[in-house]
PDB file of N, CA and C in Angstrom:
ATOM      1  N   UNK A   1      45.560  -9.803 -92.798  1.00  0.00           N
ATOM      2  CA  UNK A   1      44.272  -9.323 -92.336  1.00  0.00           C
ATOM      3  C   UNK A   1      43.299 -10.489 -92.144  1.00  0.00           C
ATOM      4  N   UNK A   2      43.364 -11.473 -93.009  1.00  0.00           N
ATOM      5  CA  UNK A   2      42.462 -12.621 -92.892  1.00  0.00           C
ATOM      6  C   UNK A   2      42.710 -13.350 -91.578  1.00  0.00           C
ATOM      7  N   UNK A   3      43.981 -13.608 -91.258  1.00  0.00           N
ATOM      8  CA  UNK A   3      44.291 -14.273 -89.987  1.00  0.00           C
ATOM      9  C   UNK A   3      43.838 -13.444 -88.794  1.00  0.00           C
ATOM     10  N   UNK A   4      43.992 -12.121 -88.860  1.00  0.00           N
ATOM     11  CA  UNK A   4      43.522 -11.242 -87.803  1.00  0.00           C
ATOM     12  C   UNK A   4      42.027 -11.400 -87.596  1.00  0.00           C
ATOM     13  N   UNK A   5      41.253 -11.355 -88.686  1.00  0.00           N
ATOM     14  CA  UNK A   5      39.794 -11.477 -88.588  1.00  0.00           C
ATOM     15  C   UNK A   5      39.367 -12.847 -88.071  1.00  0.00           C
ATOM     16  N   UNK A   6      40.055 -13.901 -88.491  1.00  0.00           N
ATOM     17  CA  UNK A   6      39.739 -15.250 -88.001  1.00  0.00           C
ATOM     18  C   UNK A   6      39.998 -15.336 -86.499  1.00  0.00           C
ATOM     19  N   UNK A   7      41.135 -14.803 -86.049  1.00  0.00           N
ATOM     20  CA  UNK A   7      41.439 -14.797 -84.612  1.00  0.00           C
ATOM     21  C   UNK A   7      40.435 -13.982 -83.821  1.00  0.00           C
ATOM     22  N   UNK A   8      39.998 -12.860 -84.385  1.00  0.00           N
ATOM     23  CA  UNK A   8      39.008 -12.020 -83.709  1.00  0.00           C
ATOM     24  C   UNK A   8      37.666 -12.756 -83.593  1.00  0.00           C
ATOM     25  N   UNK A   9      37.253 -13.437 -84.646  1.00  0.00           N
ATOM     26  CA  UNK A   9      36.025 -14.223 -84.598  1.00  0.00           C
ATOM     27  C   UNK A   9      36.123 -15.331 -83.554  1.00  0.00           C
ATOM     28  N   UNK A  10      37.269 -15.969 -83.459  1.00  0.00           N
ATOM     29  CA  UNK A  10      37.480 -17.001 -82.420  1.00  0.00           C
ATOM     30  C   UNK A  10      37.392 -16.399 -81.026  1.00  0.00           C
ATOM     31  N   UNK A  11      37.945 -15.210 -80.852  1.00  0.00           N
ATOM     32  CA  UNK A  11      37.853 -14.513 -79.571  1.00  0.00           C
ATOM     33  C   UNK A  11      36.391 -14.265 -79.202  1.00  0.00           C
ATOM     34  N   UNK A  12      35.604 -13.772 -80.165  1.00  0.00           N
ATOM     35  CA  UNK A  12      34.193 -13.511 -79.898  1.00  0.00           C
ATOM     36  C   UNK A  12      33.472 -14.781 -79.469  1.00  0.00           C
ATOM     37  N   UNK A  13      33.701 -15.878 -80.188  1.00  0.00           N
ATOM     38  CA  UNK A  13      33.033 -17.146 -79.855  1.00  0.00           C
ATOM     39  C   UNK A  13      33.391 -17.613 -78.454  1.00  0.00           C
ATOM     40  N   UNK A  14      34.656 -17.494 -78.067  1.00  0.00           N
ATOM     41  CA  UNK A  14      35.074 -18.018 -76.777  1.00  0.00           C
ATOM     42  C   UNK A  14      34.750 -17.075 -75.614  1.00  0.00           C
ATOM     43  N   UNK A  15      34.639 -15.770 -75.875  1.00  0.00           N
ATOM     44  CA  UNK A  15      34.390 -14.822 -74.799  1.00  0.00           C
ATOM     45  C   UNK A  15      32.946 -14.310 -74.725  1.00  0.00           C
ATOM     46  N   UNK A  16      32.216 -14.378 -75.809  1.00  0.00           N
ATOM     47  CA  UNK A  16      30.844 -13.865 -75.829  1.00  0.00           C
ATOM     48  C   UNK A  16      29.809 -14.975 -75.849  1.00  0.00           C
ATOM     49  N   UNK A  17      30.182 -16.116 -76.405  1.00  0.00           N
ATOM     50  CA  UNK A  17      29.202 -17.165 -76.646  1.00  0.00           C
ATOM     51  C   UNK A  17      28.634 -17.040 -78.044  1.00  0.00           C
ATOM     52  N   UNK A  18      27.663 -17.864 -78.327  1.00  0.00           N
ATOM     53  CA  UNK A  18      27.039 -17.892 -79.653  1.00  0.00           C
ATOM     54  C   UNK A  18      25.700 -17.152 -79.585  1.00  0.00           C
ATOM     55  N   UNK A  19      25.380 -16.430 -80.636  1.00  0.00           N
ATOM     56  CA  UNK A  19      24.130 -15.682 -80.761  1.00  0.00           C
ATOM     57  C   UNK A  19      23.989 -14.631 -79.658  1.00  0.00           C
ATOM     58  N   UNK A  20      25.113 -13.971 -79.356  1.00  0.00           N
ATOM     59  CA  UNK A  20      25.159 -12.915 -78.337  1.00  0.00           C
ATOM     60  C   UNK A  20      25.861 -11.704 -78.941  1.00  0.00           C
ATOM     61  N   UNK A  21      25.311 -10.534 -78.716  1.00  0.00           N
ATOM     62  CA  UNK A  21      25.910  -9.288 -79.180  1.00  0.00           C
ATOM     63  C   UNK A  21      26.244  -8.463 -77.947  1.00  0.00           C
ATOM     64  N   UNK A  22      27.527  -8.059 -77.814  1.00  0.00           N
ATOM     65  CA  UNK A  22      27.972  -7.285 -76.659  1.00  0.00           C
ATOM     66  C   UNK A  22      28.818  -6.112 -77.122  1.00  0.00           C
ATOM     67  N   UNK A  23      28.861  -5.063 -76.299  1.00  0.00           N
ATOM     68  CA  UNK A  23      29.747  -3.958 -76.603  1.00  0.00           C
ATOM     69  C   UNK A  23      31.180  -4.473 -76.592  1.00  0.00           C
ATOM     70  N   UNK A  24      31.951  -4.087 -77.592  1.00  0.00           N
ATOM     71  CA  UNK A  24      33.292  -4.623 -77.778  1.00  0.00           C
ATOM     72  C   UNK A  24      34.207  -4.303 -76.609  1.00  0.00           C
ATOM     73  N   UNK A  25      35.004  -5.305 -76.249  1.00  0.00           N
ATOM     74  CA  UNK A  25      36.022  -5.135 -75.223  1.00  0.00           C
ATOM     75  C   UNK A  25      37.409  -5.045 -75.856  1.00  0.00           C
ATOM     76  N   UNK A  26      37.507  -5.261 -77.161  1.00  0.00           N
ATOM     77  CA  UNK A  26      38.824  -5.319 -77.798  1.00  0.00           C
ATOM     78  C   UNK A  26      39.012  -4.375 -78.979  1.00  0.00           C
ATOM     79  N   UNK A  27      38.001  -4.102 -79.760  1.00  0.00           N
ATOM     80  CA  UNK A  27      38.189  -3.370 -81.011  1.00  0.00           C
ATOM     81  C   UNK A  27      38.758  -1.978 -80.779  1.00  0.00           C
ATOM     82  N   UNK A  28      38.301  -1.268 -79.764  1.00  0.00           N
ATOM     83  CA  UNK A  28      38.834   0.057 -79.484  1.00  0.00           C
ATOM     84  C   UNK A  28      40.311   0.051 -79.186  1.00  0.00           C
ATOM     85  N   UNK A  29      40.821  -1.049 -78.640  1.00  0.00           N
ATOM     86  CA  UNK A  29      42.231  -1.145 -78.286  1.00  0.00           C
ATOM     87  C   UNK A  29      43.120  -1.679 -79.389  1.00  0.00           C
ATOM     88  N   UNK A  30      42.525  -2.106 -80.508  1.00  0.00           N
ATOM     89  CA  UNK A  30      43.346  -2.685 -81.585  1.00  0.00           C
ATOM     90  C   UNK A  30      43.171  -1.940 -82.901  1.00  0.00           C
ATOM     91  N   UNK A  31      42.766  -0.690 -82.820  1.00  0.00           N
ATOM     92  CA  UNK A  31      42.704   0.099 -84.041  1.00  0.00           C
ATOM     93  C   UNK A  31      41.359   0.731 -84.316  1.00  0.00           C
ATOM     94  N   UNK A  32      40.384   0.487 -83.482  1.00  0.00           N
ATOM     95  CA  UNK A  32      39.093   1.125 -83.681  1.00  0.00           C
ATOM     96  C   UNK A  32      39.153   2.604 -83.333  1.00  0.00           C
ATOM     97  N   UNK A  33      38.208   3.360 -83.797  1.00  0.00           N
ATOM     98  CA  UNK A  33      38.149   4.787 -83.486  1.00  0.00           C
ATOM     99  C   UNK A  33      37.772   4.984 -82.027  1.00  0.00           C
ATOM    100  N   UNK A  34      38.459   5.874 -81.335  1.00  0.00           N
ATOM    101  CA  UNK A  34      38.250   6.045 -79.903  1.00  0.00           C
ATOM    102  C   UNK A  34      36.893   6.645 -79.566  1.00  0.00           C
ATOM    103  N   UNK A  35      36.308   7.419 -80.458  1.00  0.00           N
ATOM    104  CA  UNK A  35      35.012   8.043 -80.166  1.00  0.00           C
ATOM    105  C   UNK A  35      33.857   7.292 -80.827  1.00  0.00           C
ATOM    106  N   UNK A  36      34.075   6.041 -81.142  1.00  0.00           N
ATOM    107  CA  UNK A  36      33.068   5.211 -81.790  1.00  0.00           C
ATOM    108  C   UNK A  36      32.755   4.026 -80.887  1.00  0.00           C
ATOM    109  N   UNK A  37      31.532   3.558 -80.920  1.00  0.00           N
ATOM    110  CA  UNK A  37      31.126   2.404 -80.110  1.00  0.00           C
ATOM    111  C   UNK A  37      30.965   1.205 -81.040  1.00  0.00           C
ATOM    112  N   UNK A  38      31.568   0.081 -80.643  1.00  0.00           N
ATOM    113  CA  UNK A  38      31.528  -1.146 -81.434  1.00  0.00           C
ATOM    114  C   UNK A  38      30.827  -2.243 -80.633  1.00  0.00           C
ATOM    115  N   UNK A  39      30.093  -3.094 -81.326  1.00  0.00           N
ATOM    116  CA  UNK A  39      29.504  -4.278 -80.729  1.00  0.00           C
ATOM    117  C   UNK A  39      29.992  -5.494 -81.503  1.00  0.00           C
ATOM    118  N   UNK A  40      30.223  -6.592 -80.796  1.00  0.00           N
ATOM    119  CA  UNK A  40      30.741  -7.811 -81.410  1.00  0.00           C
ATOM    120  C   UNK A  40      29.784  -8.969 -81.129  1.00  0.00           C
ATOM    121  N   UNK A  41      29.842  -9.959 -81.994  1.00  0.00           N
ATOM    122  CA  UNK A  41      29.096 -11.183 -81.744  1.00  0.00           C
ATOM    123  C   UNK A  41      29.290 -12.180 -82.859  1.00  0.00           C
ATOM    124  N   UNK A  42      28.996 -13.430 -82.558  1.00  0.00           N
ATOM    125  CA  UNK A  42      28.998 -14.483 -83.560  1.00  0.00           C
ATOM    126  C   UNK A  42      27.638 -15.158 -83.547  1.00  0.00           C
ATOM    127  N   UNK A  43      27.244 -15.675 -84.681  1.00  0.00           N
ATOM    128  CA  UNK A  43      25.922 -16.261 -84.809  1.00  0.00           C
ATOM    129  C   UNK A  43      25.993 -17.605 -85.508  1.00  0.00           C
ATOM    130  N   UNK A  44      25.132 -18.496 -85.075  1.00  0.00           N
ATOM    131  CA  UNK A  44      24.909 -19.743 -85.804  1.00  0.00           C
ATOM    132  C   UNK A  44      23.476 -19.708 -86.285  1.00  0.00           C
ATOM    133  N   UNK A  45      23.325 -19.674 -87.591  1.00  0.00           N
ATOM    134  CA  UNK A  45      22.003 -19.557 -88.200  1.00  0.00           C
ATOM    135  C   UNK A  45      21.819 -20.731 -89.150  1.00  0.00           C
ATOM    136  N   UNK A  46      20.742 -21.468 -88.947  1.00  0.00           N
ATOM    137  CA  UNK A  46      20.439 -22.612 -89.808  1.00  0.00           C
ATOM    138  C   UNK A  46      19.973 -22.124 -91.168  1.00  0.00           C
ATOM    139  N   UNK A  47      20.005 -23.010 -92.152  1.00  0.00           N
ATOM    140  CA  UNK A  47      19.621 -22.651 -93.520  1.00  0.00           C
ATOM    141  C   UNK A  47      18.208 -22.098 -93.616  1.00  0.00           C
ATOM    142  N   UNK A  48      17.316 -22.517 -92.722  1.00  0.00           N
ATOM    143  CA  UNK A  48      15.926 -22.068 -92.793  1.00  0.00           C
ATOM    144  C   UNK A  48      15.639 -20.967 -91.769  1.00  0.00           C
ATOM    145  N   UNK A  49      16.667 -20.323 -91.234  1.00  0.00           N
ATOM    146  CA  UNK A  49      16.513 -19.244 -90.248  1.00  0.00           C
ATOM    147  C   UNK A  49      17.070 -17.941 -90.822  1.00  0.00           C
ATOM    148  N   UNK A  50      16.764 -16.848 -90.131  1.00  0.00           N
ATOM    149  CA  UNK A  50      17.306 -15.546 -90.508  1.00  0.00           C
ATOM    150  C   UNK A  50      17.703 -14.807 -89.236  1.00  0.00           C
ATOM    151  N   UNK A  51      18.569 -13.834 -89.365  1.00  0.00           N
ATOM    152  CA  UNK A  51      18.983 -12.994 -88.247  1.00  0.00           C
ATOM    153  C   UNK A  51      18.231 -11.679 -88.356  1.00  0.00           C
ATOM    154  N   UNK A  52      17.517 -11.319 -87.306  1.00  0.00           N
ATOM    155  CA  UNK A  52      16.803 -10.046 -87.257  1.00  0.00           C
ATOM    156  C   UNK A  52      17.406  -9.232 -86.120  1.00  0.00           C
ATOM    157  N   UNK A  53      17.866  -8.044 -86.443  1.00  0.00           N
ATOM    158  CA  UNK A  53      18.425  -7.139 -85.439  1.00  0.00           C
ATOM    159  C   UNK A  53      17.483  -5.961 -85.278  1.00  0.00           C
ATOM    160  N   UNK A  54      17.107  -5.684 -84.053  1.00  0.00           N
ATOM    161  CA  UNK A  54      16.232  -4.560 -83.767  1.00  0.00           C
ATOM    162  C   UNK A  54      16.964  -3.581 -82.866  1.00  0.00           C
ATOM    163  N   UNK A  55      16.832  -2.301 -83.171  1.00  0.00           N
ATOM    164  CA  UNK A  55      17.487  -1.277 -82.377  1.00  0.00           C
ATOM    165  C   UNK A  55      16.746   0.035 -82.523  1.00  0.00           C
ATOM    166  N   UNK A  56      16.960   0.894 -81.576  1.00  0.00           N
ATOM    167  CA  UNK A  56      16.456   2.246 -81.683  1.00  0.00           C
ATOM    168  C   UNK A  56      17.408   3.024 -82.605  1.00  0.00           C
ATOM    169  N   UNK A  57      16.858   3.776 -83.533  1.00  0.00           N
ATOM    170  CA  UNK A  57      17.687   4.557 -84.440  1.00  0.00           C
ATOM    171  C   UNK A  57      18.322   5.690 -83.647  1.00  0.00           C
ATOM    172  N   UNK A  58      19.648   5.840 -83.727  1.00  0.00           N
ATOM    173  CA  UNK A  58      20.306   6.923 -82.986  1.00  0.00           C
ATOM    174  C   UNK A  58      19.755   8.282 -83.386  1.00  0.00           C
ATOM    175  N   UNK A  59      19.567   9.148 -82.408  1.00  0.00           N
ATOM    176  CA  UNK A  59      19.039  10.486 -82.710  1.00  0.00           C
ATOM    177  C   UNK A  59      20.133  11.502 -82.985  1.00  0.00           C
ATOM    178  N   UNK A  60      21.351  11.238 -82.493  1.00  0.00           N
ATOM    179  CA  UNK A  60      22.440  12.183 -82.709  1.00  0.00           C
ATOM    180  C   UNK A  60      23.734  11.407 -82.998  1.00  0.00           C
ATOM    181  N   UNK A  61      24.090  11.330 -84.261  1.00  0.00           N
ATOM    182  CA  UNK A  61      25.353  10.705 -84.655  1.00  0.00           C
ATOM    183  C   UNK A  61      25.625  11.077 -86.106  1.00  0.00           C
ATOM    184  N   UNK A  62      26.884  10.970 -86.502  1.00  0.00           N
ATOM    185  CA  UNK A  62      27.245  11.271 -87.887  1.00  0.00           C
ATOM    186  C   UNK A  62      26.817  10.168 -88.832  1.00  0.00           C
ATOM    187  N   UNK A  63      26.944   8.907 -88.372  1.00  0.00           N
ATOM    188  CA  UNK A  63      26.513   7.760 -89.166  1.00  0.00           C
ATOM    189  C   UNK A  63      26.429   6.556 -88.241  1.00  0.00           C
ATOM    190  N   UNK A  64      25.740   5.537 -88.699  1.00  0.00           N
ATOM    191  CA  UNK A  64      25.684   4.286 -87.968  1.00  0.00           C
ATOM    192  C   UNK A  64      25.452   3.178 -88.976  1.00  0.00           C
ATOM    193  N   UNK A  65      25.873   1.969 -88.617  1.00  0.00           N
ATOM    194  CA  UNK A  65      25.688   0.847 -89.517  1.00  0.00           C
ATOM    195  C   UNK A  65      25.658  -0.448 -88.710  1.00  0.00           C
ATOM    196  N   UNK A  66      25.221  -1.467 -89.378  1.00  0.00           N
ATOM    197  CA  UNK A  66      25.199  -2.784 -88.750  1.00  0.00           C
ATOM    198  C   UNK A  66      25.722  -3.788 -89.758  1.00  0.00           C
TER     199      UNK A  66
END
């Protein structure tokens, strides 16, 4: 599983770029739930920085997480 996750992170870096969040092009095809939406991304954050994610709270869903 560790090697799988490392390879997936490498895929994100090479296909999405850095500090970019996009709807997943791979997770649904490699074991993700078919009726679920996934977003992928990699980030480079300096020691004196933070990551802030802003989104509209879904109005109709069973659960959501980030």
